[in-house]
Amino acid sequence: MFVLPVYWCFQENLGNTRSEVERLRGQLSACGRAAAEVARGLRTELADMRVHVQKEQAEFGKLQSPLLTLLGQQYEAALEAEKLLRQEQLQRLTVDHELEMDSLKKDVRAAAEAKDEEIQILKQVCCFIK
């Protein structure tokens, strides 16, 4: 008769174990449903973000084109301004050089005339001395 209480305890433990397994299965199933719901939400959010990024890229592309055009125009204008500035500098240097050359020619001419006068004076002195 000792077997009956052990068998009864075994049956009771088996029942408790089954109910615990069922409870854990229910919790696991609930966790699975919650995880699936979160995954669906994340997929939806990701799809929304992709659409938003595509819209932002399209808008950026629309803004980028005129900005690049304007930047190119400003670059061309800056190059033209620099070209004009260099031409003005070259012209100024050319004029300065011509003025210096004229001044130098005048100085050389004046020095040559002074030497010619000195030579004439020396010739006259030499003729006068003879």
N, C-alpha and C. Protein backbone atom coordinates (compact mmCIF):
# COMPACT_ATOMS: atom_id res chain seq x y z
N MET A 1 0.78 -1.16 0.00
CA MET A 1 0.00 0.00 0.00
C MET A 1 0.86 1.27 0.00
N PHE A 2 2.07 1.05 0.08
CA PHE A 2 3.00 2.16 0.01
C PHE A 2 3.11 2.68 -1.42
N VAL A 3 2.84 1.90 -2.40
CA VAL A 3 2.95 2.24 -3.79
C VAL A 3 1.90 3.26 -4.18
N LEU A 4 0.74 3.18 -3.62
CA LEU A 4 -0.34 4.08 -3.97
C LEU A 4 -0.01 5.54 -3.67
N PRO A 5 0.50 5.87 -2.49
CA PRO A 5 0.83 7.27 -2.25
C PRO A 5 1.93 7.76 -3.19
N VAL A 6 2.90 6.94 -3.55
CA VAL A 6 3.96 7.35 -4.45
C VAL A 6 3.37 7.59 -5.83
N TYR A 7 2.48 6.66 -6.25
CA TYR A 7 1.82 6.80 -7.56
C TYR A 7 0.97 8.07 -7.57
N TRP A 8 0.28 8.34 -6.48
CA TRP A 8 -0.56 9.53 -6.39
C TRP A 8 0.30 10.79 -6.44
N CYS A 9 1.47 10.79 -5.77
CA CYS A 9 2.40 11.92 -5.80
C CYS A 9 2.95 12.10 -7.20
N PHE A 10 3.23 10.95 -7.83
CA PHE A 10 3.76 11.02 -9.19
C PHE A 10 2.72 11.63 -10.13
N GLN A 11 1.47 11.22 -9.97
CA GLN A 11 0.39 11.74 -10.80
C GLN A 11 0.20 13.24 -10.54
N GLU A 12 0.27 13.62 -9.28
CA GLU A 12 0.11 15.03 -8.93
C GLU A 12 1.25 15.87 -9.51
N ASN A 13 2.49 15.36 -9.40
CA ASN A 13 3.65 16.07 -9.97
C ASN A 13 3.53 16.16 -11.49
N LEU A 14 3.04 15.08 -12.12
CA LEU A 14 2.86 15.07 -13.56
C LEU A 14 1.81 16.11 -13.96
N GLY A 15 0.77 16.23 -13.19
CA GLY A 15 -0.28 17.23 -13.46
C GLY A 15 0.26 18.64 -13.30
N ASN A 16 1.03 18.83 -12.23
CA ASN A 16 1.63 20.15 -12.00
C ASN A 16 2.59 20.51 -13.14
N THR A 17 3.36 19.52 -13.56
CA THR A 17 4.32 19.75 -14.63
C THR A 17 3.60 20.09 -15.92
N ARG A 18 2.52 19.36 -16.21
CA ARG A 18 1.76 19.64 -17.43
C ARG A 18 1.17 21.05 -17.40
N SER A 19 0.62 21.42 -16.26
CA SER A 19 0.04 22.76 -16.18
C SER A 19 1.14 23.84 -16.29
N GLU A 20 2.31 23.54 -15.72
CA GLU A 20 3.43 24.48 -15.82
C GLU A 20 3.90 24.58 -17.28
N VAL A 21 3.97 23.44 -17.98
CA VAL A 21 4.36 23.44 -19.39
C VAL A 21 3.34 24.22 -20.21
N GLU A 22 2.06 24.03 -19.94
CA GLU A 22 1.02 24.77 -20.66
C GLU A 22 1.10 26.26 -20.38
N ARG A 23 1.36 26.59 -19.12
CA ARG A 23 1.51 28.01 -18.76
C ARG A 23 2.71 28.62 -19.49
N LEU A 24 3.85 27.91 -19.51
CA LEU A 24 5.05 28.40 -20.19
C LEU A 24 4.84 28.50 -21.70
N ARG A 25 4.09 27.50 -22.27
CA ARG A 25 3.77 27.57 -23.70
C ARG A 25 2.92 28.79 -24.01
N GLY A 26 2.00 29.08 -23.15
CA GLY A 26 1.15 30.27 -23.34
C GLY A 26 1.99 31.55 -23.28
N GLN A 27 2.90 31.61 -22.31
CA GLN A 27 3.78 32.78 -22.21
C GLN A 27 4.70 32.90 -23.42
N LEU A 28 5.23 31.76 -23.87
CA LEU A 28 6.10 31.76 -25.04
C LEU A 28 5.33 32.18 -26.29
N SER A 29 4.12 31.71 -26.40
CA SER A 29 3.27 32.08 -27.54
C SER A 29 2.96 33.57 -27.49
N ALA A 30 2.68 34.09 -26.30
CA ALA A 30 2.41 35.52 -26.15
C ALA A 30 3.65 36.34 -26.51
N CYS A 31 4.82 35.86 -26.08
CA CYS A 31 6.07 36.56 -26.43
C CYS A 31 6.29 36.53 -27.94
N GLY A 32 5.99 35.40 -28.56
CA GLY A 32 6.13 35.28 -30.01
C GLY A 32 5.21 36.24 -30.74
N ARG A 33 3.95 36.34 -30.26
CA ARG A 33 3.01 37.28 -30.89
C ARG A 33 3.48 38.73 -30.69
N ALA A 34 3.99 39.03 -29.50
CA ALA A 34 4.48 40.39 -29.23
C ALA A 34 5.69 40.70 -30.11
N ALA A 35 6.59 39.73 -30.25
CA ALA A 35 7.77 39.94 -31.09
C ALA A 35 7.36 40.12 -32.55
N ALA A 36 6.39 39.35 -33.00
CA ALA A 36 5.90 39.47 -34.38
C ALA A 36 5.27 40.85 -34.59
N GLU A 37 4.52 41.31 -33.60
CA GLU A 37 3.88 42.63 -33.70
C GLU A 37 4.94 43.74 -33.74
N VAL A 38 5.96 43.62 -32.90
CA VAL A 38 7.03 44.61 -32.90
C VAL A 38 7.77 44.57 -34.24
N ALA A 39 8.03 43.37 -34.76
CA ALA A 39 8.70 43.26 -36.05
C ALA A 39 7.86 43.89 -37.16
N ARG A 40 6.54 43.67 -37.15
CA ARG A 40 5.67 44.32 -38.15
C ARG A 40 5.73 45.83 -38.02
N GLY A 41 5.70 46.30 -36.78
CA GLY A 41 5.80 47.74 -36.56
C GLY A 41 7.11 48.31 -37.07
N LEU A 42 8.21 47.60 -36.81
CA LEU A 42 9.52 48.06 -37.28
C LEU A 42 9.59 48.04 -38.81
N ARG A 43 9.00 46.99 -39.43
CA ARG A 43 8.99 46.95 -40.89
C ARG A 43 8.21 48.12 -41.46
N THR A 44 7.08 48.42 -40.84
CA THR A 44 6.26 49.56 -41.29
C THR A 44 7.03 50.86 -41.13
N GLU A 45 7.66 51.02 -39.98
CA GLU A 45 8.44 52.23 -39.72
C GLU A 45 9.60 52.35 -40.71
N LEU A 46 10.26 51.23 -41.00
CA LEU A 46 11.36 51.23 -41.96
C LEU A 46 10.86 51.61 -43.36
N ALA A 47 9.71 51.08 -43.76
CA ALA A 47 9.15 51.42 -45.07
C ALA A 47 8.81 52.91 -45.12
N ASP A 48 8.24 53.44 -44.03
CA ASP A 48 7.92 54.87 -43.98
C ASP A 48 9.19 55.71 -44.07
N MET A 49 10.23 55.27 -43.38
CA MET A 49 11.49 56.01 -43.42
C MET A 49 12.10 55.97 -44.82
N ARG A 50 11.99 54.83 -45.50
CA ARG A 50 12.50 54.75 -46.87
C ARG A 50 11.78 55.73 -47.78
N VAL A 51 10.46 55.79 -47.65
CA VAL A 51 9.68 56.73 -48.46
C VAL A 51 10.11 58.16 -48.15
N HIS A 52 10.28 58.45 -46.86
CA HIS A 52 10.69 59.80 -46.44
C HIS A 52 12.07 60.15 -47.02
N VAL A 53 13.01 59.20 -46.95
CA VAL A 53 14.36 59.44 -47.48
C VAL A 53 14.30 59.66 -48.99
N GLN A 54 13.50 58.89 -49.69
CA GLN A 54 13.36 59.07 -51.14
C GLN A 54 12.80 60.46 -51.46
N LYS A 55 11.81 60.90 -50.69
CA LYS A 55 11.26 62.25 -50.90
C LYS A 55 12.33 63.30 -50.63
N GLU A 56 13.08 63.13 -49.56
CA GLU A 56 14.15 64.08 -49.22
C GLU A 56 15.22 64.11 -50.32
N GLN A 57 15.57 62.94 -50.85
CA GLN A 57 16.56 62.89 -51.93
C GLN A 57 16.05 63.60 -53.17
N ALA A 58 14.77 63.40 -53.49
CA ALA A 58 14.20 64.07 -54.66
C ALA A 58 14.20 65.58 -54.45
N GLU A 59 13.80 66.02 -53.27
CA GLU A 59 13.78 67.46 -52.97
C GLU A 59 15.19 68.04 -53.00
N PHE A 60 16.14 67.30 -52.45
CA PHE A 60 17.53 67.75 -52.47
C PHE A 60 18.02 67.86 -53.91
N GLY A 61 17.66 66.89 -54.74
CA GLY A 61 18.06 66.94 -56.15
C GLY A 61 17.49 68.17 -56.84
N LYS A 62 16.24 68.51 -56.52
CA LYS A 62 15.63 69.70 -57.12
C LYS A 62 16.35 70.97 -56.67
N LEU A 63 16.77 71.00 -55.42
CA LEU A 63 17.48 72.17 -54.90
C LEU A 63 18.93 72.20 -55.38
N GLN A 64 19.52 71.04 -55.55
CA GLN A 64 20.93 70.95 -55.90
C GLN A 64 21.21 71.49 -57.31
N SER A 65 20.33 71.20 -58.24
CA SER A 65 20.57 71.60 -59.63
C SER A 65 20.70 73.11 -59.79
N PRO A 66 19.74 73.91 -59.28
CA PRO A 66 19.92 75.37 -59.41
C PRO A 66 21.13 75.89 -58.64
N LEU A 67 21.41 75.27 -57.50
CA LEU A 67 22.58 75.72 -56.74
C LEU A 67 23.87 75.45 -57.49
N LEU A 68 23.96 74.29 -58.12
CA LEU A 68 25.16 73.99 -58.91
C LEU A 68 25.27 74.92 -60.11
N THR A 69 24.14 75.25 -60.72
CA THR A 69 24.15 76.18 -61.85
C THR A 69 24.64 77.55 -61.39
N LEU A 70 24.10 78.02 -60.28
CA LEU A 70 24.50 79.31 -59.73
C LEU A 70 25.98 79.31 -59.34
N LEU A 71 26.43 78.23 -58.73
CA LEU A 71 27.83 78.13 -58.35
C LEU A 71 28.72 78.18 -59.60
N GLY A 72 28.31 77.50 -60.65
CA GLY A 72 29.08 77.53 -61.89
C GLY A 72 29.14 78.93 -62.47
N GLN A 73 28.01 79.64 -62.43
CA GLN A 73 27.99 81.01 -62.93
C GLN A 73 28.90 81.92 -62.12
N GLN A 74 28.85 81.77 -60.80
CA GLN A 74 29.71 82.58 -59.95
C GLN A 74 31.18 82.26 -60.19
N TYR A 75 31.49 81.01 -60.42
CA TYR A 75 32.86 80.61 -60.71
C TYR A 75 33.33 81.24 -62.02
N GLU A 76 32.49 81.18 -63.03
CA GLU A 76 32.83 81.79 -64.32
C GLU A 76 33.02 83.30 -64.18
N ALA A 77 32.13 83.94 -63.40
CA ALA A 77 32.25 85.38 -63.18
C ALA A 77 33.55 85.71 -62.44
N ALA A 78 33.91 84.88 -61.47
CA ALA A 78 35.16 85.11 -60.73
C ALA A 78 36.36 84.95 -61.66
N LEU A 79 36.32 83.95 -62.52
CA LEU A 79 37.41 83.78 -63.48
C LEU A 79 37.52 84.97 -64.42
N GLU A 80 36.39 85.46 -64.89
CA GLU A 80 36.38 86.62 -65.79
C GLU A 80 36.92 87.86 -65.07
N ALA A 81 36.50 88.05 -63.82
CA ALA A 81 36.99 89.20 -63.04
C ALA A 81 38.50 89.11 -62.84
N GLU A 82 38.99 87.91 -62.54
CA GLU A 82 40.43 87.73 -62.36
C GLU A 82 41.18 87.98 -63.67
N LYS A 83 40.59 87.56 -64.78
CA LYS A 83 41.21 87.79 -66.09
C LYS A 83 41.30 89.29 -66.38
N LEU A 84 40.21 90.02 -66.11
CA LEU A 84 40.22 91.46 -66.32
C LEU A 84 41.24 92.15 -65.41
N LEU A 85 41.32 91.70 -64.17
CA LEU A 85 42.28 92.27 -63.23
C LEU A 85 43.71 92.06 -63.74
N ARG A 86 44.01 90.87 -64.22
CA ARG A 86 45.34 90.59 -64.76
C ARG A 86 45.63 91.45 -65.99
N GLN A 87 44.61 91.63 -66.83
CA GLN A 87 44.81 92.48 -68.02
C GLN A 87 45.09 93.92 -67.61
N GLU A 88 44.35 94.41 -66.61
CA GLU A 88 44.58 95.77 -66.12
C GLU A 88 45.98 95.91 -65.53
N GLN A 89 46.41 94.91 -64.76
CA GLN A 89 47.75 94.95 -64.18
C GLN A 89 48.81 94.94 -65.28
N LEU A 90 48.62 94.11 -66.28
CA LEU A 90 49.56 94.04 -67.39
C LEU A 90 49.61 95.37 -68.14
N GLN A 91 48.43 95.95 -68.36
CA GLN A 91 48.37 97.24 -69.05
C GLN A 91 49.08 98.32 -68.23
N ARG A 92 48.84 98.32 -66.92
CA ARG A 92 49.50 99.29 -66.04
C ARG A 92 51.01 99.12 -66.07
N LEU A 93 51.45 97.86 -66.00
CA LEU A 93 52.90 97.60 -66.06
C LEU A 93 53.49 98.02 -67.40
N THR A 94 52.74 97.79 -68.47
CA THR A 94 53.22 98.19 -69.80
C THR A 94 53.36 99.71 -69.89
N VAL A 95 52.36 100.42 -69.40
CA VAL A 95 52.42 101.89 -69.41
C VAL A 95 53.57 102.38 -68.55
N ASP A 96 53.73 101.81 -67.36
CA ASP A 96 54.84 102.20 -66.48
C ASP A 96 56.18 101.93 -67.17
N HIS A 97 56.28 100.79 -67.83
CA HIS A 97 57.53 100.46 -68.53
C HIS A 97 57.80 101.46 -69.66
N GLU A 98 56.77 101.80 -70.41
CA GLU A 98 56.95 102.76 -71.50
C GLU A 98 57.36 104.13 -70.97
N LEU A 99 56.76 104.56 -69.87
CA LEU A 99 57.13 105.84 -69.27
C LEU A 99 58.59 105.80 -68.79
N GLU A 100 58.99 104.71 -68.18
CA GLU A 100 60.38 104.59 -67.73
C GLU A 100 61.33 104.59 -68.91
N MET A 101 60.96 103.91 -69.98
CA MET A 101 61.82 103.87 -71.17
C MET A 101 61.93 105.27 -71.80
N ASP A 102 60.81 106.00 -71.87
CA ASP A 102 60.85 107.37 -72.39
C ASP A 102 61.75 108.25 -71.52
N SER A 103 61.61 108.11 -70.22
CA SER A 103 62.45 108.89 -69.30
C SER A 103 63.92 108.54 -69.48
N LEU A 104 64.18 107.23 -69.61
CA LEU A 104 65.56 106.79 -69.80
C LEU A 104 66.11 107.30 -71.14
N LYS A 105 65.32 107.28 -72.19
CA LYS A 105 65.75 107.81 -73.49
C LYS A 105 66.06 109.30 -73.39
N LYS A 106 65.21 110.04 -72.69
CA LYS A 106 65.44 111.48 -72.51
C LYS A 106 66.75 111.71 -71.76
N ASP A 107 66.94 110.91 -70.70
CA ASP A 107 68.18 111.04 -69.91
C ASP A 107 69.39 110.70 -70.77
N VAL A 108 69.30 109.65 -71.57
CA VAL A 108 70.42 109.26 -72.44
C VAL A 108 70.65 110.34 -73.50
N ARG A 109 69.55 110.86 -74.08
CA ARG A 109 69.67 111.92 -75.09
C ARG A 109 70.30 113.17 -74.48
N ALA A 110 69.83 113.51 -73.25
CA ALA A 110 70.40 114.70 -72.58
C ALA A 110 71.88 114.48 -72.28
N ALA A 111 72.23 113.26 -71.84
CA ALA A 111 73.64 112.97 -71.54
C ALA A 111 74.46 113.01 -72.82
N ALA A 112 73.90 112.46 -73.91
CA ALA A 112 74.61 112.47 -75.20
C ALA A 112 74.80 113.90 -75.70
N GLU A 113 73.75 114.72 -75.56
CA GLU A 113 73.86 116.12 -75.98
C GLU A 113 74.89 116.86 -75.13
N ALA A 114 74.91 116.55 -73.83
CA ALA A 114 75.89 117.19 -72.95
C ALA A 114 77.29 116.78 -73.35
N LYS A 115 77.48 115.51 -73.69
CA LYS A 115 78.80 115.05 -74.14
C LYS A 115 79.17 115.68 -75.48
N ASP A 116 78.18 115.79 -76.38
CA ASP A 116 78.45 116.44 -77.67
C ASP A 116 78.88 117.90 -77.45
N GLU A 117 78.18 118.59 -76.56
CA GLU A 117 78.55 119.98 -76.26
C GLU A 117 79.96 120.05 -75.69
N GLU A 118 80.26 119.11 -74.81
CA GLU A 118 81.59 119.09 -74.20
C GLU A 118 82.66 118.82 -75.27
N ILE A 119 82.31 117.90 -76.18
CA ILE A 119 83.25 117.61 -77.28
C ILE A 119 83.44 118.86 -78.14
N GLN A 120 82.34 119.57 -78.45
CA GLN A 120 82.43 120.78 -79.26
C GLN A 120 83.28 121.84 -78.55
N ILE A 121 83.04 121.96 -77.26
CA ILE A 121 83.82 122.94 -76.50
C ILE A 121 85.30 122.56 -76.52
N LEU A 122 85.60 121.26 -76.32
CA LEU A 122 86.99 120.82 -76.33
C LEU A 122 87.62 121.02 -77.72
N LYS A 123 86.84 120.80 -78.77
CA LYS A 123 87.34 121.02 -80.14
C LYS A 123 87.65 122.49 -80.34
N GLN A 124 86.77 123.36 -79.88
CA GLN A 124 86.98 124.78 -80.04
C GLN A 124 88.19 125.23 -79.24
N VAL A 125 88.34 124.68 -78.05
CA VAL A 125 89.48 125.03 -77.22
C VAL A 125 90.75 124.55 -77.91
N CYS A 126 90.70 123.34 -78.45
CA CYS A 126 91.87 122.78 -79.14
C CYS A 126 92.19 123.64 -80.39
N CYS A 127 91.20 124.07 -81.12
CA CYS A 127 91.41 124.90 -82.30
C CYS A 127 91.92 126.28 -81.87
N PHE A 128 91.43 126.75 -80.82
CA PHE A 128 91.82 128.06 -80.33
C PHE A 128 93.27 128.03 -79.83
N ILE A 129 93.65 126.93 -79.23
CA ILE A 129 95.01 126.80 -78.72
C ILE A 129 95.98 126.65 -79.89
N LYS A 130 95.65 126.12 -80.93
CA LYS A 130 96.57 125.90 -82.04
C LYS A 130 96.85 127.17 -82.69
